[in-house]
Amino acid sequence: MTATISTATPSRVRSLPVLLATEDDAEDMGLLAPDDRLTCHVHGRWIHQCVASPAHVSPVTRHRWCRGCRTELAVAVDELSLTVSMSCPRCGHGGSAATTRLTVACRASLTAERDARRAA
């Protein structure tokens, strides 16, 4: 089992490049689970900015995947209201523990980006 440190509520405001590097290091050391990242190491962005990419769909782990419909979940990110939702375009459901964690990370990413912009 991998130990997890949460970056969902950073103790101080960090810029995207700093948080990317910090999360990369923490993940490499086994201190941060990939599902709990606020940044995307693949795209080099905040996770909420690229979560709709096909790279973030996994039928195996059920990240953004509806097992019953065998369909990629649709993503809606509202940066004004800081809301994120994911649902199956066929059945309207498709939730999983993995998608829930990804949604939580996206919401935290929205907040972290907003805080970083305010601090700049």
Protein backbone atom coordinates (compact mmCIF):
# COMPACT_ATOMS: atom_id res chain seq x y z
CA MET A 1 0.00 0.00 0.00
CA THR A 2 1.26 3.45 -0.90
CA ALA A 3 1.44 6.14 1.74
CA THR A 4 -0.37 9.29 0.80
CA ILE A 5 0.21 12.88 1.69
CA SER A 6 -2.57 15.17 0.74
CA THR A 7 -1.88 18.23 -1.36
CA ALA A 8 -5.60 18.99 -1.45
CA THR A 9 -5.14 21.70 1.18
CA PRO A 10 -1.66 23.11 0.73
CA SER A 11 -0.31 24.92 3.78
CA ARG A 12 0.97 27.72 1.58
CA VAL A 13 0.20 28.96 -1.90
CA ARG A 14 2.44 27.44 -4.57
CA SER A 15 2.81 28.28 -8.23
CA LEU A 16 2.09 25.59 -10.81
CA PRO A 17 5.77 24.84 -11.62
CA VAL A 18 6.66 24.55 -7.93
CA LEU A 19 3.69 22.33 -7.13
CA LEU A 20 4.38 20.13 -10.20
CA ALA A 21 7.94 19.52 -9.03
CA THR A 22 6.86 18.99 -5.41
CA GLU A 23 4.19 16.48 -6.40
CA ASP A 24 6.57 14.67 -8.76
CA ASP A 25 9.07 14.26 -5.95
CA ALA A 26 6.44 13.19 -3.40
CA GLU A 27 4.98 10.65 -5.83
CA ASP A 28 8.45 9.26 -6.64
CA MET A 29 9.13 8.83 -2.92
CA GLY A 30 5.82 7.04 -2.38
CA LEU A 31 4.42 9.85 -0.26
CA LEU A 32 1.69 10.93 -2.69
CA ALA A 33 -0.75 8.71 -4.54
CA PRO A 34 -1.16 9.64 -8.23
CA ASP A 35 -4.92 10.08 -7.67
CA ASP A 36 -4.30 12.82 -5.13
CA ARG A 37 -2.24 15.10 -7.37
CA LEU A 38 -3.46 18.63 -8.07
CA THR A 39 -1.20 18.82 -11.12
CA CYS A 40 -0.78 16.60 -14.16
CA HIS A 41 2.72 15.33 -14.84
CA VAL A 42 1.69 14.31 -18.38
CA HIS A 43 0.35 17.70 -19.50
CA GLY A 44 2.22 19.99 -17.08
CA ARG A 45 -1.00 21.71 -16.05
CA TRP A 46 -3.45 21.88 -13.19
CA ILE A 47 -5.40 18.61 -13.20
CA HIS A 48 -8.75 20.35 -13.69
CA GLN A 49 -7.42 21.91 -16.91
CA CYS A 50 -6.68 18.61 -18.63
CA VAL A 51 -8.87 16.02 -16.89
CA ALA A 52 -11.09 15.84 -20.01
CA SER A 53 -8.15 14.51 -22.03
CA PRO A 54 -8.38 10.87 -23.18
CA ALA A 55 -5.09 10.33 -21.30
CA HIS A 56 -7.09 10.51 -18.05
CA VAL A 57 -9.50 7.70 -18.96
CA SER A 58 -8.77 4.20 -17.69
CA PRO A 59 -11.20 1.30 -18.07
CA VAL A 60 -8.91 -0.78 -15.83
CA THR A 61 -8.92 1.54 -12.81
CA ARG A 62 -12.31 3.11 -13.73
CA HIS A 63 -10.96 6.66 -13.82
CA ARG A 64 -13.53 8.53 -15.92
CA TRP A 65 -15.01 5.25 -17.11
CA CYS A 66 -18.51 3.76 -16.93
CA ARG A 67 -18.06 0.00 -16.60
CA GLY A 68 -21.69 -0.83 -17.45
CA CYS A 69 -21.80 1.23 -20.65
CA ARG A 70 -18.12 0.85 -21.53
CA THR A 71 -18.05 4.56 -22.12
CA GLU A 72 -15.77 7.46 -21.27
CA LEU A 73 -17.33 9.81 -18.73
CA ALA A 74 -18.10 13.37 -19.76
CA VAL A 75 -16.44 16.11 -17.71
CA ALA A 76 -17.78 19.51 -16.75
CA VAL A 77 -15.45 21.98 -15.02
CA ASP A 78 -16.81 25.38 -13.99
CA GLU A 79 -13.93 27.61 -12.94
CA LEU A 80 -16.25 30.36 -11.68
CA SER A 81 -18.21 28.23 -9.23
CA LEU A 82 -15.25 25.86 -8.60
CA THR A 83 -17.36 22.81 -9.46
CA VAL A 84 -16.43 19.61 -11.25
CA SER A 85 -18.70 16.78 -12.33
CA MET A 86 -18.23 13.59 -14.31
CA SER A 87 -21.03 11.41 -15.65
CA CYS A 88 -21.73 8.82 -18.30
CA PRO A 89 -23.30 10.33 -21.43
CA ARG A 90 -25.30 7.11 -21.92
CA CYS A 91 -26.73 6.20 -18.50
CA GLY A 92 -26.00 9.36 -16.52
CA HIS A 93 -24.09 7.46 -13.82
CA GLY A 94 -20.69 5.79 -14.13
CA GLY A 95 -19.27 6.79 -10.79
CA SER A 96 -16.44 4.88 -9.14
CA ALA A 97 -14.06 5.38 -6.24
CA ALA A 98 -11.32 6.33 -8.72
CA THR A 99 -13.49 8.93 -10.43
CA THR A 100 -14.55 10.32 -7.04
CA ARG A 101 -10.90 10.79 -6.07
CA LEU A 102 -10.19 12.44 -9.41
CA THR A 103 -13.15 14.79 -8.94
CA VAL A 104 -11.94 15.74 -5.45
CA ALA A 105 -8.44 16.41 -6.82
CA CYS A 106 -9.90 18.60 -9.59
CA ARG A 107 -11.87 20.67 -7.09
CA ALA A 108 -8.77 21.13 -4.97
CA SER A 109 -6.81 22.01 -8.12
CA LEU A 110 -9.34 24.73 -8.96
CA THR A 111 -8.93 26.21 -5.50
CA ALA A 112 -5.12 25.97 -5.59
CA GLU A 113 -4.97 27.67 -8.99
CA ARG A 114 -7.27 30.46 -7.80
CA ASP A 115 -5.15 30.96 -4.67
CA ALA A 116 -1.93 30.99 -6.73
CA ARG A 117 -3.38 33.64 -9.06
CA ARG A 118 -4.43 35.79 -6.11
CA ALA A 119 -0.98 35.52 -4.53
CA ALA A 120 0.81 36.47 -7.76
